[in-house]
Protein backbone atom coordinates (compact mmCIF):
# COMPACT_ATOMS: atom_id res chain seq x y z
CA MET A 1 13.18 -13.21 -23.63
CA SER A 2 14.04 -14.68 -20.20
CA GLU A 3 17.16 -14.31 -18.08
CA LYS A 4 18.70 -17.28 -16.19
CA ILE A 5 21.58 -17.81 -13.86
CA ASP A 6 23.72 -20.91 -14.16
CA ASP A 7 25.23 -23.05 -11.42
CA LYS A 8 28.28 -20.87 -11.29
CA GLY A 9 26.29 -17.69 -10.70
CA ASN A 10 26.71 -16.27 -14.32
CA ARG A 11 23.62 -14.62 -15.60
CA LYS A 12 22.51 -15.50 -19.19
CA GLU A 13 19.59 -14.56 -21.30
CA GLU A 14 17.68 -17.19 -23.29
CA ILE A 15 14.69 -16.99 -25.69
CA THR A 16 11.69 -18.61 -24.16
CA GLU A 17 9.34 -19.64 -26.83
CA ASP A 18 6.46 -20.58 -24.71
CA VAL A 19 5.98 -17.22 -22.94
CA ARG A 20 3.99 -14.65 -24.87
CA PRO A 21 5.41 -11.07 -25.24
CA PHE A 22 4.55 -8.48 -22.60
CA GLY A 23 1.22 -6.78 -23.40
CA ILE A 24 -2.04 -5.46 -22.08
CA ARG A 25 -2.98 -8.81 -20.43
CA ASP A 26 -0.06 -8.42 -18.08
CA LYS A 27 -1.05 -4.94 -17.24
CA ILE A 28 -4.64 -5.78 -16.57
CA GLY A 29 -3.54 -8.93 -14.59
CA TYR A 30 -1.17 -6.80 -12.40
CA MET A 31 -3.97 -4.25 -11.91
CA PHE A 32 -6.26 -7.03 -10.62
CA GLY A 33 -3.58 -8.11 -8.14
CA ASP A 34 -3.64 -4.91 -6.26
CA PHE A 35 -7.40 -4.71 -6.65
CA GLY A 36 -7.42 -7.99 -4.74
CA ASN A 37 -4.93 -6.86 -2.21
CA ASP A 38 -6.81 -3.65 -1.39
CA PHE A 39 -10.10 -5.37 -0.69
CA SER A 40 -8.51 -6.25 2.69
CA PHE A 41 -5.79 -3.66 2.95
CA ILE A 42 -7.89 -0.45 2.12
CA PHE A 43 -10.94 -1.89 4.02
CA ALA A 44 -8.73 -2.41 7.10
CA SER A 45 -6.84 0.84 6.79
CA ASN A 46 -10.23 2.78 6.62
CA TYR A 47 -12.57 0.83 8.74
CA LEU A 48 -10.78 -1.58 11.06
CA MET A 49 -10.29 1.03 13.75
CA VAL A 50 -14.05 2.06 13.44
CA PHE A 51 -15.00 -1.68 13.87
CA TYR A 52 -12.79 -2.02 16.81
CA THR A 53 -13.81 1.09 18.59
CA LYS A 54 -17.48 1.38 17.52
CA VAL A 55 -18.48 -2.18 17.42
CA LEU A 56 -16.22 -4.08 19.81
CA GLY A 57 -15.83 -1.12 22.17
CA LEU A 58 -12.17 -1.13 22.46
CA SER A 59 -10.37 2.12 23.37
CA GLY A 60 -8.29 4.07 20.71
CA TYR A 61 -5.31 3.62 22.92
CA VAL A 62 -5.56 -0.22 22.90
CA VAL A 63 -6.12 -0.16 19.07
CA GLY A 64 -3.00 2.03 18.59
CA LEU A 65 -0.97 -0.38 20.76
CA LEU A 66 -2.07 -3.30 18.56
CA PHE A 67 -1.29 -1.62 15.37
CA LEU A 68 2.11 -0.61 16.48
CA GLY A 69 2.89 -3.94 18.19
CA ALA A 70 2.14 -5.86 15.04
CA ARG A 71 4.87 -3.98 13.11
CA PHE A 72 7.47 -5.53 15.41
CA VAL A 73 6.25 -8.90 14.14
CA ASP A 74 6.39 -7.58 10.66
CA ALA A 75 9.97 -6.65 10.94
CA PHE A 76 10.64 -10.42 10.91
CA THR A 77 7.94 -11.84 8.81
CA ASP A 78 8.33 -9.31 5.94
CA VAL A 79 12.15 -9.68 5.39
CA THR A 80 11.88 -13.45 6.06
CA MET A 81 9.29 -13.71 3.27
CA GLY A 82 11.57 -11.61 1.05
CA ARG A 83 14.48 -13.96 1.64
CA ILE A 84 12.22 -17.04 0.95
CA VAL A 85 11.13 -15.85 -2.48
CA ASP A 86 14.71 -14.76 -3.33
CA ASN A 87 16.24 -18.09 -2.31
CA LEU A 88 13.70 -20.84 -3.07
CA GLN A 89 13.90 -22.42 -6.49
CA PRO A 90 10.91 -21.32 -8.61
CA ALA A 91 7.77 -23.33 -9.04
CA LYS A 92 6.75 -24.32 -12.47
CA ASP A 93 4.45 -21.25 -12.63
CA GLY A 94 7.25 -18.97 -11.48
CA ARG A 95 9.19 -17.69 -8.35
CA PHE A 96 6.55 -14.98 -7.46
CA ARG A 97 3.45 -15.99 -9.33
CA ALA A 98 3.15 -19.21 -7.44
CA TRP A 99 2.63 -17.41 -4.15
CA ILE A 100 -0.46 -15.68 -5.54
CA ARG A 101 -2.01 -19.22 -6.26
CA ARG A 102 -0.99 -20.52 -2.82
CA MET A 103 -2.13 -17.61 -0.75
CA SER A 104 -5.21 -16.12 -2.32
CA ILE A 105 -7.74 -18.09 -0.26
CA PRO A 106 -5.87 -17.85 3.15
CA VAL A 107 -5.58 -14.07 2.97
CA ALA A 108 -9.22 -13.66 2.06
CA VAL A 109 -10.25 -15.90 4.95
CA ALA A 110 -7.86 -14.17 7.34
CA SER A 111 -9.38 -10.71 6.33
CA SER A 112 -12.98 -11.78 6.82
CA ILE A 113 -12.60 -13.21 10.19
CA MET A 114 -11.33 -9.91 11.64
CA TYR A 115 -14.80 -8.48 11.36
CA LEU A 116 -17.00 -10.92 13.36
CA TYR A 117 -19.68 -8.77 14.84
CA PHE A 118 -20.74 -11.24 17.64
CA VAL A 119 -17.37 -10.85 19.31
CA ARG A 120 -18.73 -7.69 20.89
CA ASP A 121 -20.57 -9.82 23.41
CA TRP A 122 -17.42 -11.51 24.53
CA ALA A 123 -15.55 -10.77 27.73
CA TYR A 124 -13.00 -7.94 27.40
CA SER A 125 -10.02 -10.27 27.70
CA ALA A 126 -11.52 -12.57 25.10
CA LYS A 127 -12.06 -9.67 22.71
CA LEU A 128 -8.42 -8.56 23.05
CA ALA A 129 -7.23 -12.10 22.32
CA TYR A 130 -9.38 -12.24 19.20
CA VAL A 131 -8.29 -9.08 17.78
CA ILE A 132 -4.44 -9.81 18.48
CA ILE A 133 -4.60 -13.23 16.89
CA THR A 134 -6.88 -12.45 13.82
CA TYR A 135 -4.92 -9.09 13.10
CA LEU A 136 -1.50 -10.81 13.21
CA PHE A 137 -2.69 -13.66 11.25
CA TRP A 138 -4.02 -11.42 8.40
CA GLY A 139 -1.41 -8.69 8.38
CA SER A 140 1.79 -10.22 9.47
CA PHE A 141 1.50 -13.65 7.82
CA CYS A 142 -1.16 -14.10 5.10
CA TYR A 143 -1.00 -10.69 3.60
CA THR A 144 2.78 -10.60 3.84
CA ALA A 145 2.95 -13.95 1.99
CA ILE A 146 0.94 -12.69 -0.98
CA ASN A 147 1.90 -8.99 -1.17
CA ILE A 148 5.62 -9.37 -1.17
CA PRO A 149 5.72 -11.85 -4.03
CA TYR A 150 3.05 -9.80 -5.82
CA GLY A 151 5.02 -6.54 -5.60
CA SER A 152 8.35 -8.27 -6.41
CA MET A 153 6.88 -9.79 -9.47
CA ALA A 154 6.79 -6.40 -11.40
CA SER A 155 10.57 -6.65 -11.87
CA VAL A 156 10.33 -10.00 -13.57
CA ILE A 157 7.15 -9.52 -15.74
CA SER A 158 9.37 -7.41 -18.10
CA PRO A 159 12.99 -6.32 -18.12
CA ASP A 160 12.11 -3.11 -19.90
CA VAL A 161 11.94 0.02 -17.58
CA LYS A 162 9.08 1.62 -19.52
CA GLU A 163 6.97 -1.48 -19.33
CA ARG A 164 7.57 -1.85 -15.71
CA ALA A 165 6.59 1.83 -15.24
CA SER A 166 3.33 0.95 -16.94
CA LEU A 167 2.78 -1.85 -14.43
CA SER A 168 3.05 0.79 -11.62
CA THR A 169 0.44 2.83 -13.15
CA PHE A 170 -1.89 -0.15 -13.61
CA ARG A 171 -1.30 -1.28 -10.13
CA SER A 172 -2.24 2.18 -8.85
CA ILE A 173 -5.37 2.02 -10.98
CA GLY A 174 -6.26 -1.31 -9.30
CA ALA A 175 -5.73 0.25 -5.93
CA SER A 176 -7.87 3.28 -7.00
CA LEU A 177 -10.64 1.08 -8.25
CA ALA A 178 -10.66 -0.89 -4.91
CA GLY A 179 -10.73 2.46 -3.07
CA PHE A 180 -13.59 3.49 -5.16
CA VAL A 181 -15.71 0.43 -4.44
CA ILE A 182 -14.90 0.57 -0.75
CA GLY A 183 -15.22 4.33 -0.49
CA VAL A 184 -18.61 4.40 -2.16
CA LEU A 185 -20.29 1.29 -0.92
CA VAL A 186 -19.00 0.89 2.66
CA PRO A 187 -20.41 4.11 4.12
CA LEU A 188 -23.75 3.33 2.62
CA ILE A 189 -23.61 -0.19 4.06
CA VAL A 190 -22.19 0.15 7.51
CA TYR A 191 -23.55 3.66 8.52
CA GLU A 192 -27.16 4.75 9.38
CA THR A 193 -28.87 7.60 11.13
CA ASP A 194 -30.85 6.83 14.26
CA THR A 195 -34.04 8.56 15.26
CA GLU A 196 -32.28 11.30 17.08
CA GLY A 197 -30.08 12.19 13.97
CA ASN A 198 -26.94 10.61 15.24
CA GLN A 199 -24.70 8.59 12.86
CA ILE A 200 -24.20 4.97 14.05
CA VAL A 201 -22.67 1.89 12.78
CA LYS A 202 -24.29 -1.47 11.85
CA PRO A 203 -22.20 -4.32 13.30
CA VAL A 204 -23.64 -7.15 11.08
CA SER A 205 -22.92 -5.14 7.99
CA PHE A 206 -19.20 -5.19 8.78
CA THR A 207 -19.12 -8.98 8.88
CA LEU A 208 -21.07 -9.47 5.71
CA THR A 209 -19.03 -6.80 3.87
CA ALA A 210 -15.86 -8.37 4.86
CA ILE A 211 -16.92 -11.83 3.64
CA VAL A 212 -18.08 -10.32 0.17
CA PHE A 213 -14.83 -8.48 -0.12
CA GLY A 214 -12.82 -11.73 0.60
CA ILE A 215 -14.74 -13.54 -2.24
CA LEU A 216 -14.06 -10.58 -4.59
CA ALA A 217 -10.42 -10.55 -3.54
CA VAL A 218 -9.95 -14.26 -4.49
CA LEU A 219 -11.55 -13.63 -7.97
CA CYS A 220 -9.18 -10.63 -8.50
CA TYR A 221 -6.17 -12.92 -7.53
CA ILE A 222 -7.18 -15.54 -9.96
CA LEU A 223 -7.33 -13.04 -12.78
CA CYS A 224 -3.89 -11.69 -11.76
CA TYR A 225 -2.38 -15.23 -11.77
CA THR A 226 -4.07 -16.15 -15.11
CA LEU A 227 -3.07 -13.03 -17.01
CA CYS A 228 0.45 -12.22 -15.80
CA ARG A 229 3.59 -14.08 -16.76
CA GLU A 230 7.12 -14.00 -15.43
CA ARG A 231 9.75 -13.43 -18.10
CA VAL A 232 12.89 -12.74 -16.19
CA VAL A 233 13.72 -15.99 -14.52
CA PHE A 234 16.50 -16.06 -11.82
CA GLU A 235 17.48 -19.53 -10.81
CA LYS A 236 19.02 -20.05 -7.30
CA LYS A 237 22.65 -19.28 -7.13
CA LYS A 238 25.04 -21.95 -5.66
CA GLU A 239 27.01 -19.64 -3.47
CA LYS A 240 27.38 -18.80 0.25
CA ARG A 241 24.19 -17.18 1.59
CA ARG A 242 24.74 -13.88 3.17
CA GLY A 243 23.98 -13.49 6.99
CA ALA A 244 21.63 -11.00 8.35
CA GLY A 245 24.44 -8.60 9.15
CA GLU A 246 25.84 -8.64 5.63
CA LEU A 247 22.41 -8.28 4.16
CA LEU A 248 21.56 -5.14 6.22
CA LYS A 249 24.98 -3.73 5.58
CA GLY A 250 24.26 -3.96 1.76
CA LEU A 251 20.76 -2.48 2.09
CA ALA A 252 21.87 0.24 4.43
CA GLY A 253 24.28 1.37 1.62
CA ASN A 254 21.35 1.66 -0.75
CA ARG A 255 20.54 5.43 -0.55
CA PRO A 256 17.57 5.40 -2.93
CA LEU A 257 16.00 2.59 -0.88
CA LEU A 258 16.55 4.45 2.34
CA ALA A 259 15.04 7.59 1.09
CA LEU A 260 12.05 5.92 -0.36
CA VAL A 261 11.49 3.94 2.79
CA CYS A 262 11.44 7.26 4.78
CA ALA A 263 9.09 8.71 2.22
CA ALA A 264 6.85 5.73 2.11
CA LEU A 265 6.61 5.62 5.88
CA ILE A 266 5.60 9.32 6.22
CA LEU A 267 3.32 9.08 3.10
CA LEU A 268 1.34 6.11 4.46
CA LEU A 269 1.21 7.77 7.89
CA ALA A 270 -0.37 10.82 6.41
CA THR A 271 -2.63 9.01 3.92
CA MET A 272 -3.94 6.35 6.17
CA LEU A 273 -4.40 8.83 9.08
CA ALA A 274 -6.33 11.04 6.71
CA GLN A 275 -8.59 8.18 5.58
CA ALA A 276 -9.17 6.74 9.07
CA MET A 277 -9.92 10.25 10.60
CA ASN A 278 -12.32 11.04 7.63
CA ASN A 279 -14.72 8.56 9.16
CA TYR A 280 -14.72 10.42 12.45
CA LEU A 281 -14.55 13.73 10.63
CA PHE A 282 -17.78 13.27 8.75
CA LEU A 283 -19.46 11.46 11.73
CA ASP A 284 -18.80 14.16 14.24
CA TYR A 285 -17.63 17.33 12.46
CA PHE A 286 -19.83 17.48 9.38
CA LYS A 287 -22.43 14.97 10.88
CA ASN A 288 -23.11 13.32 7.66
CA ALA A 289 -21.14 9.97 7.43
CA ARG A 290 -23.10 8.68 4.37
CA VAL A 291 -21.82 11.62 2.21
CA LEU A 292 -18.42 9.86 2.58
CA SER A 293 -19.44 7.93 -0.50
CA VAL A 294 -19.50 11.04 -2.56
CA VAL A 295 -16.29 12.40 -1.04
CA ASN A 296 -14.48 9.09 -1.86
CA VAL A 297 -15.66 9.19 -5.44
CA VAL A 298 -14.37 12.83 -5.74
CA GLY A 299 -10.92 11.88 -4.15
CA ILE A 300 -10.37 8.79 -6.23
CA GLY A 301 -11.81 10.37 -9.48
CA GLY A 302 -8.85 12.74 -9.56
CA THR A 303 -6.27 9.86 -9.35
CA LEU A 304 -8.07 8.04 -12.16
CA LEU A 305 -8.19 11.12 -14.36
CA LEU A 306 -4.40 11.32 -14.17
CA ALA A 307 -3.82 7.70 -15.24
CA PRO A 308 -3.88 8.42 -19.09
CA PHE A 309 -1.15 11.12 -18.63
CA ILE A 310 1.20 9.37 -16.28
CA ALA A 311 3.46 7.88 -19.00
CA ARG A 312 3.85 11.23 -20.72
CA ILE A 313 4.46 13.04 -17.40
CA VAL A 314 7.14 10.57 -16.43
CA ALA A 315 8.85 10.59 -19.77
CA ASN A 316 9.00 14.45 -19.81
CA PHE A 317 9.85 15.17 -16.29
CA GLY A 318 11.07 11.89 -14.64
CA LYS A 319 9.55 9.81 -11.73
CA LYS A 320 11.34 11.66 -8.95
CA GLU A 321 10.72 15.11 -10.41
CA ALA A 322 6.90 14.42 -10.92
CA GLY A 323 6.42 12.71 -7.56
CA ALA A 324 8.03 15.58 -5.69
CA ALA A 325 5.83 18.22 -7.40
CA GLY A 326 2.67 16.05 -6.56
CA MET A 327 3.56 16.01 -2.87
CA LEU A 328 4.19 19.73 -2.73
CA VAL A 329 0.76 20.37 -4.09
CA ALA A 330 -0.90 17.91 -1.61
CA GLY A 331 0.94 19.33 1.35
CA ALA A 332 -0.11 22.91 0.41
CA VAL A 333 -3.73 21.97 -0.02
CA TYR A 334 -4.10 20.25 3.34
CA LEU A 335 -2.43 23.09 5.10
CA LEU A 336 -4.86 25.36 3.39
CA LEU A 337 -7.77 23.24 4.55
CA PHE A 338 -6.37 23.49 8.16
CA VAL A 339 -6.16 27.30 8.04
CA LEU A 340 -9.61 27.76 6.58
CA ARG A 341 -11.57 25.44 8.98
CA VAL A 342 -13.97 24.55 6.29
CA LYS A 343 -17.59 23.96 7.21
CA SER A 344 -19.06 23.53 3.83
CA ILE A 345 -18.96 19.95 2.63
CA PRO A 346 -18.82 20.91 -1.17
CA LEU A 347 -15.79 23.32 -0.60
CA TYR A 348 -14.13 20.54 1.46
CA MET A 349 -14.59 18.18 -1.42
CA VAL A 350 -13.15 20.69 -4.06
CA LEU A 351 -9.99 21.17 -2.12
CA LEU A 352 -9.70 17.52 -1.20
CA PHE A 353 -9.90 16.76 -4.99
CA LEU A 354 -6.96 19.04 -5.65
CA GLY A 355 -4.95 17.50 -2.84
CA ASN A 356 -5.65 14.07 -4.04
CA LEU A 357 -4.42 15.06 -7.42
CA GLY A 358 -1.05 15.47 -5.84
CA THR A 359 -0.91 12.28 -3.82
CA GLY A 360 -2.44 10.44 -6.80
CA LEU A 361 0.35 11.45 -9.13
CA PHE A 362 3.01 10.11 -6.69
CA ASN A 363 1.00 6.89 -6.04
CA MET A 364 0.69 6.21 -9.78
CA ILE A 365 4.48 5.99 -10.12
CA ILE A 366 5.66 4.95 -6.76
CA TRP A 367 5.86 1.29 -7.53
CA ALA A 368 8.23 2.03 -10.58
CA PHE A 369 10.58 3.57 -7.98
CA ILE A 370 11.00 0.22 -6.57
CA THR A 371 12.17 -1.47 -9.81
CA ASP A 372 14.54 1.35 -10.28
CA ILE A 373 16.01 0.66 -6.81
CA ILE A 374 16.20 -3.03 -7.50
CA ASP A 375 18.34 -2.24 -10.49
CA TYR A 376 20.46 0.17 -8.50
CA GLN A 377 20.94 -2.48 -5.81
CA GLU A 378 22.25 -4.96 -8.48
CA ILE A 379 24.62 -2.39 -9.85
CA VAL A 380 26.00 -1.60 -6.44
CA THR A 381 26.23 -5.13 -5.00
CA GLY A 382 26.18 -7.42 -8.01
CA ARG A 383 23.21 -9.30 -6.58
CA ARG A 384 19.62 -9.42 -7.74
CA GLU A 385 17.41 -9.23 -4.71
CA ASP A 386 14.01 -8.28 -5.82
CA GLY A 387 12.16 -9.87 -2.93
CA THR A 388 14.35 -8.62 -0.23
CA VAL A 389 14.31 -4.98 -1.44
CA TYR A 390 10.62 -5.07 -1.89
CA ALA A 391 10.10 -6.60 1.61
CA VAL A 392 12.10 -3.79 3.19
CA TYR A 393 9.95 -1.26 1.35
CA SER A 394 6.75 -3.19 2.27
CA PHE A 395 7.71 -3.19 5.90
CA ALA A 396 8.07 0.69 5.70
CA ARG A 397 4.60 0.92 4.31
CA LYS A 398 3.18 -1.25 7.08
CA VAL A 399 5.06 0.82 9.64
CA GLY A 400 3.39 3.89 8.18
CA GLN A 401 -0.01 2.25 8.28
CA ALA A 402 0.56 1.10 11.87
CA LEU A 403 1.69 4.54 13.02
CA ALA A 404 -1.39 6.08 11.27
CA GLY A 405 -3.61 3.56 13.15
CA GLY A 406 -1.60 3.89 16.37
CA LEU A 407 -1.45 7.70 16.11
CA GLY A 408 -5.10 7.80 15.31
CA GLY A 409 -6.04 5.72 18.19
CA PHE A 410 -3.75 7.66 20.70
CA VAL A 411 -4.97 11.00 19.33
CA LEU A 412 -8.65 10.01 19.52
CA THR A 413 -7.99 9.25 23.28
CA ALA A 414 -5.93 12.34 23.76
CA ILE A 415 -8.54 14.72 22.34
CA GLY A 416 -11.23 13.26 24.54
CA TYR A 417 -13.10 11.11 22.03
CA ILE A 418 -15.50 8.66 23.84
CA SER A 419 -16.12 5.56 21.84
CA GLU A 420 -19.49 4.67 23.53
CA ALA A 421 -20.90 8.22 23.05
CA ALA A 422 -23.56 8.57 20.28
CA SER A 423 -22.11 12.01 19.43
CA GLN A 424 -19.02 14.09 20.44
CA THR A 425 -18.82 17.52 21.82
CA GLU A 426 -18.08 20.54 19.42
CA ALA A 427 -14.51 20.87 20.99
CA VAL A 428 -13.78 17.25 20.10
CA ALA A 429 -15.07 17.59 16.59
CA GLU A 430 -12.90 20.65 16.07
CA ARG A 431 -9.90 18.67 17.20
CA ILE A 432 -10.72 15.83 14.90
CA TYR A 433 -10.69 18.37 12.04
CA THR A 434 -7.30 19.61 13.11
CA VAL A 435 -5.80 16.11 13.19
CA ALA A 436 -7.36 15.33 9.75
CA THR A 437 -5.82 18.29 8.01
CA LEU A 438 -2.74 19.53 9.81
CA ILE A 439 -0.89 16.28 10.20
CA PRO A 440 -1.33 15.19 6.68
CA GLY A 441 -0.31 18.47 5.26
CA LEU A 442 2.95 18.63 7.34
CA CYS A 443 3.68 14.94 6.35
CA TYR A 444 3.17 15.54 2.59
CA LEU A 445 5.60 18.46 2.61
CA ALA A 446 8.12 16.25 4.45
CA VAL A 447 7.88 13.64 1.69
CA PHE A 448 8.37 16.47 -0.90
CA LEU A 449 11.70 17.43 0.84
CA ILE A 450 12.80 13.75 0.98
CA LEU A 451 12.18 13.20 -2.74
CA GLN A 452 13.64 16.53 -3.74
CA PHE A 453 16.91 16.41 -1.74
CA ALA A 454 17.55 12.84 -0.57
CA TYR A 455 16.34 10.62 -3.29
CA PRO A 456 19.12 10.45 -5.89
CA LEU A 457 17.55 8.57 -8.81
CA THR A 458 16.72 11.49 -11.21
CA ARG A 459 15.50 10.83 -14.64
CA ARG A 460 19.08 11.04 -15.90
CA ALA A 461 20.38 8.61 -13.16
CA VAL A 462 17.64 5.97 -14.03
CA GLU A 463 18.63 6.22 -17.75
CA LYS A 464 22.36 5.81 -16.94
CA ASN A 465 21.53 2.63 -14.76
CA THR A 466 19.36 1.15 -17.45
CA ALA A 467 22.19 1.51 -19.88
CA ILE A 468 24.71 -0.10 -17.52
CA LEU A 469 22.49 -3.08 -17.03
CA LYS A 470 21.71 -3.46 -20.69
CA GLU A 471 25.49 -3.47 -21.52
CA LYS A 472 26.04 -6.01 -18.64
CA ARG A 473 23.40 -8.30 -19.99
CA GLU A 474 24.82 -8.13 -23.43
CA GLN A 475 28.26 -9.04 -22.13
CA GLU A 476 26.99 -11.95 -20.13
CA ARG A 477 24.93 -13.25 -23.06
CA ASP A 478 27.98 -13.00 -25.41
CA GLY A 479 30.24 -14.63 -22.73
């Protein structure tokens, strides 16, 4: 079944004989899409600041300014990309799927050239120019041009709300698998212990790792493109295109979108900050960076253990309700870590595992929130704007990532962290621990409050919207 829009703007459904039914191939393909994305996204989120500070010798303050400044560029490129995919006529292989084919190699190349170790020998001004150009090229252009179509594609792979929820779960599994590979291998590859027992980084390993991850990302994108199919096809409407002001007004009235944007911004701020600070936490507080491989396995393992139960949890409690509960647990655990000032790595890992169960639960279903919001937007405005809605949400996630990187860089400078030093003082190490636990704990509790009191799409509301759209489709088909 596919859905089309005629030249008058009327939406009709047609049987498409050459498109196979939705199935496990689509789920696995969609999983590989985020697997490919996160070979660059998670690697950059966790290790780019380490590369900039430890290898290139930039200050945390400068790195923070770069991450924040890039988001001003994203404010234009993200929404522009969303409008492009919404308004261009689809290619033969789909409106969104075609962009995976077009951008898979450029985004892999852009990610790889951000980690060139020999740049450390350049003049400081040349290093600044290098990091600005390569970071913007990757994050604001190439990654945007593949991630927004990929994320938007979930709403057209299937019109069924349960099948789209399963795509969210498989997408999160893909992200978890990428996080597992990166979390386990990278600490073993890029860190080593010198003769005096200090934890140091290996510059060449960053470059080689980035190149290998770029190749793996392309392979994942190929699998995503090959296995997924678009079934809900929207042809370009012949109507007056809305201006930026009208578009923003329509989005500003979308309460679920605004609530999720705020939640996503704070969630990414907390998660990315915690992941980035973990490198410094285990380098300078626990003084055992290589154990990060085990820590990352424990953290991601909890998320993967939840995957088989997500569909049942959502069916019994609803996405909003389950997500809010998960964030409450995560916030409580991180605040407990802050209060206890844990010195034992095994105890820290146990509590981290419990906290990641909470964040993992929300992350497993968060992408299904977007498809619900896209449906809500159509009910309120009468327009189907998958790419634009996803672009706004994607921008919020990037802002959260940038704030995490920016805040992390600013905080490192504020607490007295010295990039060139082989080891930090005990006072600085204690401050790193505070940042790595207290800020995520408070942020996760803030996300809980937003979901609980500001996000309106409860299980009953989603079921009602699904019924409204189903009736609307039937009327349009009969008409």
